[in-house]
Amino acid sequence: MLTRLGREVPSAPNAAVFAAFEKHLKDIEAWLATRGNTTVLYVDHGVVLERPQQEAARIANFLGGNLDINQMAAQVERSLHREKSNQNDPVR
């Protein structure tokens, strides 16, 4: 994406960036698990793109159920999904 936008691509190796991001996610998930006063709903971006109506219903239910599921699902714009330049990237 940066290349397409004409911006400089950082020299950090992809594997190092992905590893740091994965560690950060695991740290956050572990911290959230210790929070007795916090309820978390994990939403997978790919699943939202594949099944927006079902995921909208799941999110609405988590938030109390008083939301317009059709309007929520209609906001999913598949064309904005990030580019996949390397099929070997560990994060999709």
PDB file of N, CA and C in Angstrom:
ATOM      1  N   MET A   1       0.830  -1.186   0.000  1.00  0.00           N
ATOM      2  CA  MET A   1       0.000   0.000   0.000  1.00  0.00           C
ATOM      3  C   MET A   1       0.876   1.252   0.000  1.00  0.00           C
ATOM      4  N   LEU A   2       1.920   1.271   0.830  1.00  0.00           N
ATOM      5  CA  LEU A   2       2.788   2.452   0.866  1.00  0.00           C
ATOM      6  C   LEU A   2       3.415   2.713  -0.497  1.00  0.00           C
ATOM      7  N   THR A   3       3.875   1.658  -1.147  1.00  0.00           N
ATOM      8  CA  THR A   3       4.470   1.807  -2.474  1.00  0.00           C
ATOM      9  C   THR A   3       3.461   2.386  -3.444  1.00  0.00           C
ATOM     10  N   ARG A   4       2.240   1.863  -3.418  1.00  0.00           N
ATOM     11  CA  ARG A   4       1.181   2.337  -4.312  1.00  0.00           C
ATOM     12  C   ARG A   4       0.880   3.813  -4.071  1.00  0.00           C
ATOM     13  N   LEU A   5       1.007   4.251  -2.816  1.00  0.00           N
ATOM     14  CA  LEU A   5       0.746   5.650  -2.478  1.00  0.00           C
ATOM     15  C   LEU A   5       1.948   6.552  -2.720  1.00  0.00           C
ATOM     16  N   GLY A   6       3.053   5.950  -3.193  1.00  0.00           N
ATOM     17  CA  GLY A   6       4.250   6.731  -3.475  1.00  0.00           C
ATOM     18  C   GLY A   6       5.026   7.111  -2.234  1.00  0.00           C
ATOM     19  N   ARG A   7       4.832   6.371  -1.156  1.00  0.00           N
ATOM     20  CA  ARG A   7       5.531   6.664   0.096  1.00  0.00           C
ATOM     21  C   ARG A   7       6.656   5.662   0.320  1.00  0.00           C
ATOM     22  N   GLU A   8       7.612   6.074   1.128  1.00  0.00           N
ATOM     23  CA  GLU A   8       8.747   5.210   1.435  1.00  0.00           C
ATOM     24  C   GLU A   8       8.307   4.052   2.324  1.00  0.00           C
ATOM     25  N   VAL A   9       8.799   2.879   1.999  1.00  0.00           N
ATOM     26  CA  VAL A   9       8.496   1.689   2.786  1.00  0.00           C
ATOM     27  C   VAL A   9       9.593   1.528   3.837  1.00  0.00           C
ATOM     28  N   PRO A  10       9.200   1.420   5.115  1.00  0.00           N
ATOM     29  CA  PRO A  10      10.222   1.261   6.163  1.00  0.00           C
ATOM     30  C   PRO A  10      11.073   0.024   5.917  1.00  0.00           C
ATOM     31  N   SER A  11      12.315   0.061   6.386  1.00  0.00           N
ATOM     32  CA  SER A  11      13.233  -1.035   6.135  1.00  0.00           C
ATOM     33  C   SER A  11      13.081  -2.191   7.112  1.00  0.00           C
ATOM     34  N   ALA A  12      12.201  -2.076   8.094  1.00  0.00           N
ATOM     35  CA  ALA A  12      12.012  -3.165   9.059  1.00  0.00           C
ATOM     36  C   ALA A  12      11.519  -4.414   8.338  1.00  0.00           C
ATOM     37  N   PRO A  13      12.126  -5.544   8.618  1.00  0.00           N
ATOM     38  CA  PRO A  13      11.694  -6.785   7.963  1.00  0.00           C
ATOM     39  C   PRO A  13      10.250  -7.119   8.344  1.00  0.00           C
ATOM     40  N   ASN A  14       9.499  -7.601   7.374  1.00  0.00           N
ATOM     41  CA  ASN A  14       8.099  -7.950   7.628  1.00  0.00           C
ATOM     42  C   ASN A  14       7.963  -8.926   8.783  1.00  0.00           C
ATOM     43  N   ALA A  15       8.835  -9.924   8.833  1.00  0.00           N
ATOM     44  CA  ALA A  15       8.737 -10.932   9.894  1.00  0.00           C
ATOM     45  C   ALA A  15       8.862 -10.295  11.278  1.00  0.00           C
ATOM     46  N   ALA A  16       9.747  -9.320  11.432  1.00  0.00           N
ATOM     47  CA  ALA A  16       9.920  -8.658  12.729  1.00  0.00           C
ATOM     48  C   ALA A  16       8.692  -7.838  13.094  1.00  0.00           C
ATOM     49  N   VAL A  17       8.134  -7.154  12.122  1.00  0.00           N
ATOM     50  CA  VAL A  17       6.928  -6.352  12.371  1.00  0.00           C
ATOM     51  C   VAL A  17       5.769  -7.261  12.749  1.00  0.00           C
ATOM     52  N   PHE A  18       5.578  -8.341  12.005  1.00  0.00           N
ATOM     53  CA  PHE A  18       4.497  -9.283  12.299  1.00  0.00           C
ATOM     54  C   PHE A  18       4.675  -9.913  13.669  1.00  0.00           C
ATOM     55  N   ALA A  19       5.908 -10.280  14.024  1.00  0.00           N
ATOM     56  CA  ALA A  19       6.171 -10.885  15.327  1.00  0.00           C
ATOM     57  C   ALA A  19       5.849  -9.910  16.452  1.00  0.00           C
ATOM     58  N   ALA A  20       6.235  -8.657  16.298  1.00  0.00           N
ATOM     59  CA  ALA A  20       5.951  -7.646  17.321  1.00  0.00           C
ATOM     60  C   ALA A  20       4.449  -7.426  17.457  1.00  0.00           C
ATOM     61  N   PHE A  21       3.751  -7.402  16.325  1.00  0.00           N
ATOM     62  CA  PHE A  21       2.300  -7.210  16.352  1.00  0.00           C
ATOM     63  C   PHE A  21       1.619  -8.402  17.020  1.00  0.00           C
ATOM     64  N   GLU A  22       2.022  -9.599  16.679  1.00  0.00           N
ATOM     65  CA  GLU A  22       1.444 -10.803  17.284  1.00  0.00           C
ATOM     66  C   GLU A  22       1.676 -10.812  18.792  1.00  0.00           C
ATOM     67  N   LYS A  23       2.887 -10.443  19.228  1.00  0.00           N
ATOM     68  CA  LYS A  23       3.181 -10.393  20.659  1.00  0.00           C
ATOM     69  C   LYS A  23       2.295  -9.364  21.348  1.00  0.00           C
ATOM     70  N   HIS A  24       2.142  -8.215  20.721  1.00  0.00           N
ATOM     71  CA  HIS A  24       1.291  -7.166  21.289  1.00  0.00           C
ATOM     72  C   HIS A  24      -0.150  -7.673  21.442  1.00  0.00           C
ATOM     73  N   LEU A  25      -0.670  -8.333  20.417  1.00  0.00           N
ATOM     74  CA  LEU A  25      -2.035  -8.871  20.488  1.00  0.00           C
ATOM     75  C   LEU A  25      -2.173  -9.886  21.621  1.00  0.00           C
ATOM     76  N   LYS A  26      -1.198 -10.775  21.754  1.00  0.00           N
ATOM     77  CA  LYS A  26      -1.242 -11.771  22.832  1.00  0.00           C
ATOM     78  C   LYS A  26      -1.183 -11.109  24.199  1.00  0.00           C
ATOM     79  N   ASP A  27      -0.352 -10.077  24.334  1.00  0.00           N
ATOM     80  CA  ASP A  27      -0.266  -9.338  25.600  1.00  0.00           C
ATOM     81  C   ASP A  27      -1.597  -8.680  25.946  1.00  0.00           C
ATOM     82  N   ILE A  28      -2.230  -8.067  24.954  1.00  0.00           N
ATOM     83  CA  ILE A  28      -3.524  -7.410  25.185  1.00  0.00           C
ATOM     84  C   ILE A  28      -4.592  -8.433  25.544  1.00  0.00           C
ATOM     85  N   GLU A  29      -4.632  -9.549  24.822  1.00  0.00           N
ATOM     86  CA  GLU A  29      -5.611 -10.594  25.118  1.00  0.00           C
ATOM     87  C   GLU A  29      -5.413 -11.135  26.534  1.00  0.00           C
ATOM     88  N   ALA A  30      -4.168 -11.345  26.943  1.00  0.00           N
ATOM     89  CA  ALA A  30      -3.878 -11.830  28.293  1.00  0.00           C
ATOM     90  C   ALA A  30      -4.318 -10.808  29.331  1.00  0.00           C
ATOM     91  N   TRP A  31      -4.052  -9.537  29.075  1.00  0.00           N
ATOM     92  CA  TRP A  31      -4.460  -8.484  30.007  1.00  0.00           C
ATOM     93  C   TRP A  31      -5.984  -8.416  30.109  1.00  0.00           C
ATOM     94  N   LEU A  32      -6.663  -8.478  28.975  1.00  0.00           N
ATOM     95  CA  LEU A  32      -8.125  -8.426  28.990  1.00  0.00           C
ATOM     96  C   LEU A  32      -8.722  -9.599  29.761  1.00  0.00           C
ATOM     97  N   ALA A  33      -8.081 -10.755  29.663  1.00  0.00           N
ATOM     98  CA  ALA A  33      -8.576 -11.940  30.369  1.00  0.00           C
ATOM     99  C   ALA A  33      -8.524 -11.765  31.885  1.00  0.00           C
ATOM    100  N   THR A  34      -7.665 -10.882  32.379  1.00  0.00           N
ATOM    101  CA  THR A  34      -7.559 -10.647  33.822  1.00  0.00           C
ATOM    102  C   THR A  34      -8.561  -9.610  34.312  1.00  0.00           C
ATOM    103  N   ARG A  35      -9.232  -8.947  33.408  1.00  0.00           N
ATOM    104  CA  ARG A  35     -10.156  -7.869  33.764  1.00  0.00           C
ATOM    105  C   ARG A  35     -11.545  -8.441  34.018  1.00  0.00           C
ATOM    106  N   GLY A  36     -11.901  -8.578  35.266  1.00  0.00           N
ATOM    107  CA  GLY A  36     -13.202  -9.137  35.614  1.00  0.00           C
ATOM    108  C   GLY A  36     -14.375  -8.254  35.232  1.00  0.00           C
ATOM    109  N   ASN A  37     -14.123  -6.977  35.051  1.00  0.00           N
ATOM    110  CA  ASN A  37     -15.206  -6.045  34.747  1.00  0.00           C
ATOM    111  C   ASN A  37     -15.298  -5.715  33.257  1.00  0.00           C
ATOM    112  N   THR A  38     -14.625  -6.492  32.432  1.00  0.00           N
ATOM    113  CA  THR A  38     -14.590  -6.201  31.007  1.00  0.00           C
ATOM    114  C   THR A  38     -15.031  -7.427  30.219  1.00  0.00           C
ATOM    115  N   THR A  39     -15.954  -7.219  29.306  1.00  0.00           N
ATOM    116  CA  THR A  39     -16.385  -8.279  28.407  1.00  0.00           C
ATOM    117  C   THR A  39     -15.888  -7.923  27.018  1.00  0.00           C
ATOM    118  N   VAL A  40     -15.342  -8.897  26.330  1.00  0.00           N
ATOM    119  CA  VAL A  40     -14.733  -8.657  25.024  1.00  0.00           C
ATOM    120  C   VAL A  40     -15.414  -9.506  23.966  1.00  0.00           C
ATOM    121  N   LEU A  41     -15.654  -8.911  22.830  1.00  0.00           N
ATOM    122  CA  LEU A  41     -16.132  -9.642  21.658  1.00  0.00           C
ATOM    123  C   LEU A  41     -15.048  -9.542  20.607  1.00  0.00           C
ATOM    124  N   TYR A  42     -14.490 -10.659  20.224  1.00  0.00           N
ATOM    125  CA  TYR A  42     -13.468 -10.671  19.182  1.00  0.00           C
ATOM    126  C   TYR A  42     -14.162 -10.775  17.833  1.00  0.00           C
ATOM    127  N   VAL A  43     -13.780  -9.874  16.933  1.00  0.00           N
ATOM    128  CA  VAL A  43     -14.388  -9.809  15.605  1.00  0.00           C
ATOM    129  C   VAL A  43     -13.276  -9.990  14.577  1.00  0.00           C
ATOM    130  N   ASP A  44     -13.423 -10.983  13.735  1.00  0.00           N
ATOM    131  CA  ASP A  44     -12.441 -11.270  12.701  1.00  0.00           C
ATOM    132  C   ASP A  44     -12.814 -10.496  11.440  1.00  0.00           C
ATOM    133  N   HIS A  45     -11.905  -9.648  10.996  1.00  0.00           N
ATOM    134  CA  HIS A  45     -12.166  -8.799   9.832  1.00  0.00           C
ATOM    135  C   HIS A  45     -12.556  -9.626   8.612  1.00  0.00           C
ATOM    136  N   GLY A  46     -11.862 -10.719   8.363  1.00  0.00           N
ATOM    137  CA  GLY A  46     -12.165 -11.571   7.215  1.00  0.00           C
ATOM    138  C   GLY A  46     -13.561 -12.156   7.279  1.00  0.00           C
ATOM    139  N   VAL A  47     -13.994 -12.526   8.469  1.00  0.00           N
ATOM    140  CA  VAL A  47     -15.339 -13.077   8.643  1.00  0.00           C
ATOM    141  C   VAL A  47     -16.378 -11.990   8.388  1.00  0.00           C
ATOM    142  N   VAL A  48     -16.100 -10.775   8.840  1.00  0.00           N
ATOM    143  CA  VAL A  48     -17.022  -9.661   8.572  1.00  0.00           C
ATOM    144  C   VAL A  48     -17.172  -9.454   7.076  1.00  0.00           C
ATOM    145  N   LEU A  49     -16.059  -9.528   6.339  1.00  0.00           N
ATOM    146  CA  LEU A  49     -16.129  -9.366   4.888  1.00  0.00           C
ATOM    147  C   LEU A  49     -16.915 -10.492   4.229  1.00  0.00           C
ATOM    148  N   GLU A  50     -16.777 -11.704   4.746  1.00  0.00           N
ATOM    149  CA  GLU A  50     -17.456 -12.858   4.160  1.00  0.00           C
ATOM    150  C   GLU A  50     -18.926 -12.936   4.541  1.00  0.00           C
ATOM    151  N   ARG A  51     -19.243 -12.587   5.787  1.00  0.00           N
ATOM    152  CA  ARG A  51     -20.604 -12.741   6.301  1.00  0.00           C
ATOM    153  C   ARG A  51     -21.033 -11.504   7.098  1.00  0.00           C
ATOM    154  N   PRO A  52     -21.173 -10.373   6.426  1.00  0.00           N
ATOM    155  CA  PRO A  52     -21.469  -9.137   7.162  1.00  0.00           C
ATOM    156  C   PRO A  52     -22.782  -9.180   7.950  1.00  0.00           C
ATOM    157  N   GLN A  53     -23.783  -9.796   7.401  1.00  0.00           N
ATOM    158  CA  GLN A  53     -25.088  -9.839   8.083  1.00  0.00           C
ATOM    159  C   GLN A  53     -24.992 -10.635   9.396  1.00  0.00           C
ATOM    160  N   GLN A  54     -24.364 -11.796   9.348  1.00  0.00           N
ATOM    161  CA  GLN A  54     -24.241 -12.622  10.552  1.00  0.00           C
ATOM    162  C   GLN A  54     -23.360 -11.958  11.607  1.00  0.00           C
ATOM    163  N   GLU A  55     -22.279 -11.343  11.164  1.00  0.00           N
ATOM    164  CA  GLU A  55     -21.399 -10.680  12.124  1.00  0.00           C
ATOM    165  C   GLU A  55     -22.061  -9.445  12.716  1.00  0.00           C
ATOM    166  N   ALA A  56     -22.827  -8.723  11.905  1.00  0.00           N
ATOM    167  CA  ALA A  56     -23.562  -7.567  12.423  1.00  0.00           C
ATOM    168  C   ALA A  56     -24.546  -8.017  13.500  1.00  0.00           C
ATOM    169  N   ALA A  57     -25.204  -9.139  13.271  1.00  0.00           N
ATOM    170  CA  ALA A  57     -26.144  -9.665  14.266  1.00  0.00           C
ATOM    171  C   ALA A  57     -25.413 -10.048  15.552  1.00  0.00           C
ATOM    172  N   ARG A  58     -24.250 -10.649  15.414  1.00  0.00           N
ATOM    173  CA  ARG A  58     -23.456 -11.046  16.576  1.00  0.00           C
ATOM    174  C   ARG A  58     -22.995  -9.816  17.367  1.00  0.00           C
ATOM    175  N   ILE A  59     -22.551  -8.789  16.663  1.00  0.00           N
ATOM    176  CA  ILE A  59     -22.120  -7.551  17.318  1.00  0.00           C
ATOM    177  C   ILE A  59     -23.293  -6.860  17.990  1.00  0.00           C
ATOM    178  N   ALA A  60     -24.412  -6.778  17.289  1.00  0.00           N
ATOM    179  CA  ALA A  60     -25.602  -6.145  17.857  1.00  0.00           C
ATOM    180  C   ALA A  60     -26.050  -6.867  19.124  1.00  0.00           C
ATOM    181  N   ASN A  61     -26.030  -8.181  19.082  1.00  0.00           N
ATOM    182  CA  ASN A  61     -26.404  -8.967  20.258  1.00  0.00           C
ATOM    183  C   ASN A  61     -25.465  -8.676  21.421  1.00  0.00           C
ATOM    184  N   PHE A  62     -24.168  -8.611  21.147  1.00  0.00           N
ATOM    185  CA  PHE A  62     -23.177  -8.314  22.175  1.00  0.00           C
ATOM    186  C   PHE A  62     -23.433  -6.943  22.796  1.00  0.00           C
ATOM    187  N   LEU A  63     -23.854  -5.993  21.983  1.00  0.00           N
ATOM    188  CA  LEU A  63     -24.068  -4.620  22.456  1.00  0.00           C
ATOM    189  C   LEU A  63     -25.471  -4.372  22.992  1.00  0.00           C
ATOM    190  N   GLY A  64     -26.269  -5.397  23.080  1.00  0.00           N
ATOM    191  CA  GLY A  64     -27.584  -5.245  23.684  1.00  0.00           C
ATOM    192  C   GLY A  64     -28.746  -5.491  22.748  1.00  0.00           C
ATOM    193  N   GLY A  65     -28.472  -5.665  21.482  1.00  0.00           N
ATOM    194  CA  GLY A  65     -29.494  -6.079  20.533  1.00  0.00           C
ATOM    195  C   GLY A  65     -30.367  -5.002  19.941  1.00  0.00           C
ATOM    196  N   ASN A  66     -30.196  -3.747  20.304  1.00  0.00           N
ATOM    197  CA  ASN A  66     -31.080  -2.703  19.797  1.00  0.00           C
ATOM    198  C   ASN A  66     -30.390  -1.888  18.699  1.00  0.00           C
ATOM    199  N   LEU A  67     -29.904  -2.568  17.669  1.00  0.00           N
ATOM    200  CA  LEU A  67     -29.200  -1.910  16.570  1.00  0.00           C
ATOM    201  C   LEU A  67     -29.785  -2.380  15.236  1.00  0.00           C
ATOM    202  N   ASP A  68     -29.623  -1.581  14.218  1.00  0.00           N
ATOM    203  CA  ASP A  68     -30.121  -1.918  12.882  1.00  0.00           C
ATOM    204  C   ASP A  68     -29.080  -2.792  12.170  1.00  0.00           C
ATOM    205  N   ILE A  69     -29.293  -4.085  12.212  1.00  0.00           N
ATOM    206  CA  ILE A  69     -28.350  -5.048  11.640  1.00  0.00           C
ATOM    207  C   ILE A  69     -28.182  -4.838  10.147  1.00  0.00           C
ATOM    208  N   ASN A  70     -29.252  -4.542   9.446  1.00  0.00           N
ATOM    209  CA  ASN A  70     -29.158  -4.321   7.999  1.00  0.00           C
ATOM    210  C   ASN A  70     -28.279  -3.116   7.673  1.00  0.00           C
ATOM    211  N   GLN A  71     -28.433  -2.039   8.421  1.00  0.00           N
ATOM    212  CA  GLN A  71     -27.603  -0.863   8.204  1.00  0.00           C
ATOM    213  C   GLN A  71     -26.142  -1.140   8.572  1.00  0.00           C
ATOM    214  N   MET A  72     -25.938  -1.896   9.627  1.00  0.00           N
ATOM    215  CA  MET A  72     -24.572  -2.251  10.014  1.00  0.00           C
ATOM    216  C   MET A  72     -23.899  -3.052   8.905  1.00  0.00           C
ATOM    217  N   ALA A  73     -24.575  -4.071   8.431  1.00  0.00           N
ATOM    218  CA  ALA A  73     -24.015  -4.937   7.385  1.00  0.00           C
ATOM    219  C   ALA A  73     -23.777  -4.159   6.097  1.00  0.00           C
ATOM    220  N   ALA A  74     -24.630  -3.193   5.825  1.00  0.00           N
ATOM    221  CA  ALA A  74     -24.501  -2.405   4.590  1.00  0.00           C
ATOM    222  C   ALA A  74     -23.248  -1.538   4.597  1.00  0.00           C
ATOM    223  N   GLN A  75     -22.667  -1.293   5.767  1.00  0.00           N
ATOM    224  CA  GLN A  75     -21.471  -0.453   5.850  1.00  0.00           C
ATOM    225  C   GLN A  75     -20.181  -1.200   5.514  1.00  0.00           C
ATOM    226  N   VAL A  76     -20.252  -2.509   5.403  1.00  0.00           N
ATOM    227  CA  VAL A  76     -19.070  -3.304   5.075  1.00  0.00           C
ATOM    228  C   VAL A  76     -18.732  -3.078   3.609  1.00  0.00           C
ATOM    229  N   GLU A  77     -17.536  -2.575   3.365  1.00  0.00           N
ATOM    230  CA  GLU A  77     -17.093  -2.250   2.008  1.00  0.00           C
ATOM    231  C   GLU A  77     -15.903  -3.129   1.661  1.00  0.00           C
ATOM    232  N   ARG A  78     -16.180  -4.200   0.947  1.00  0.00           N
ATOM    233  CA  ARG A  78     -15.124  -5.171   0.605  1.00  0.00           C
ATOM    234  C   ARG A  78     -13.994  -4.552  -0.210  1.00  0.00           C
ATOM    235  N   SER A  79     -14.305  -3.561  -1.022  1.00  0.00           N
ATOM    236  CA  SER A  79     -13.273  -2.975  -1.881  1.00  0.00           C
ATOM    237  C   SER A  79     -12.199  -2.246  -1.080  1.00  0.00           C
ATOM    238  N   LEU A  80     -12.467  -1.949   0.189  1.00  0.00           N
ATOM    239  CA  LEU A  80     -11.485  -1.258   1.017  1.00  0.00           C
ATOM    240  C   LEU A  80     -10.555  -2.222   1.741  1.00  0.00           C
ATOM    241  N   HIS A  81     -10.764  -3.521   1.542  1.00  0.00           N
ATOM    242  CA  HIS A  81      -9.883  -4.508   2.176  1.00  0.00           C
ATOM    243  C   HIS A  81      -8.469  -4.312   1.675  1.00  0.00           C
ATOM    244  N   ARG A  82      -7.521  -4.382   2.569  1.00  0.00           N
ATOM    245  CA  ARG A  82      -6.124  -4.083   2.228  1.00  0.00           C
ATOM    246  C   ARG A  82      -5.588  -5.012   1.149  1.00  0.00           C
ATOM    247  N   GLU A  83      -4.582  -4.522   0.471  1.00  0.00           N
ATOM    248  CA  GLU A  83      -3.937  -5.287  -0.583  1.00  0.00           C
ATOM    249  C   GLU A  83      -3.151  -6.432   0.018  1.00  0.00           C
ATOM    250  N   LYS A  84      -3.071  -7.513  -0.715  1.00  0.00           N
ATOM    251  CA  LYS A  84      -2.271  -8.655  -0.278  1.00  0.00           C
ATOM    252  C   LYS A  84      -1.162  -8.833  -1.288  1.00  0.00           C
ATOM    253  N   SER A  85      -0.022  -8.245  -0.983  1.00  0.00           N
ATOM    254  CA  SER A  85       1.085  -8.272  -1.930  1.00  0.00           C
ATOM    255  C   SER A  85       1.900  -9.541  -1.823  1.00  0.00           C
ATOM    256  N   ASN A  86       1.843 -10.200  -0.674  1.00  0.00           N
ATOM    257  CA  ASN A  86       2.652 -11.393  -0.485  1.00  0.00           C
ATOM    258  C   ASN A  86       1.810 -12.463   0.185  1.00  0.00           C
ATOM    259  N   GLN A  87       1.487 -13.502  -0.539  1.00  0.00           N
ATOM    260  CA  GLN A  87       0.640 -14.567   0.001  1.00  0.00           C
ATOM    261  C   GLN A  87       1.320 -15.325   1.138  1.00  0.00           C
ATOM    262  N   ASN A  88       2.610 -15.125   1.360  1.00  0.00           N
ATOM    263  CA  ASN A  88       3.320 -15.809   2.440  1.00  0.00           C
ATOM    264  C   ASN A  88       3.316 -15.017   3.721  1.00  0.00           C
ATOM    265  N   ASP A  89       2.714 -13.815   3.726  1.00  0.00           N
ATOM    266  CA  ASP A  89       2.669 -13.019   4.948  1.00  0.00           C
ATOM    267  C   ASP A  89       1.868 -13.779   6.011  1.00  0.00           C
ATOM    268  N   PRO A  90       2.370 -13.850   7.261  1.00  0.00           N
ATOM    269  CA  PRO A  90       1.662 -14.597   8.297  1.00  0.00           C
ATOM    270  C   PRO A  90       0.380 -13.926   8.783  1.00  0.00           C
ATOM    271  N   VAL A  91       0.220 -12.627   8.574  1.00  0.00           N
ATOM    272  CA  VAL A  91      -0.978 -11.926   9.037  1.00  0.00           C
ATOM    273  C   VAL A  91      -1.836 -11.590   7.834  1.00  0.00           C
ATOM    274  N   ARG A  92      -3.092 -11.976   7.875  1.00  0.00           N
ATOM    275  CA  ARG A  92      -4.001 -11.708   6.761  1.00  0.00           C
ATOM    276  C   ARG A  92      -5.220 -10.976   7.265  1.00  0.00           C
TER     277      ARG A  92
END
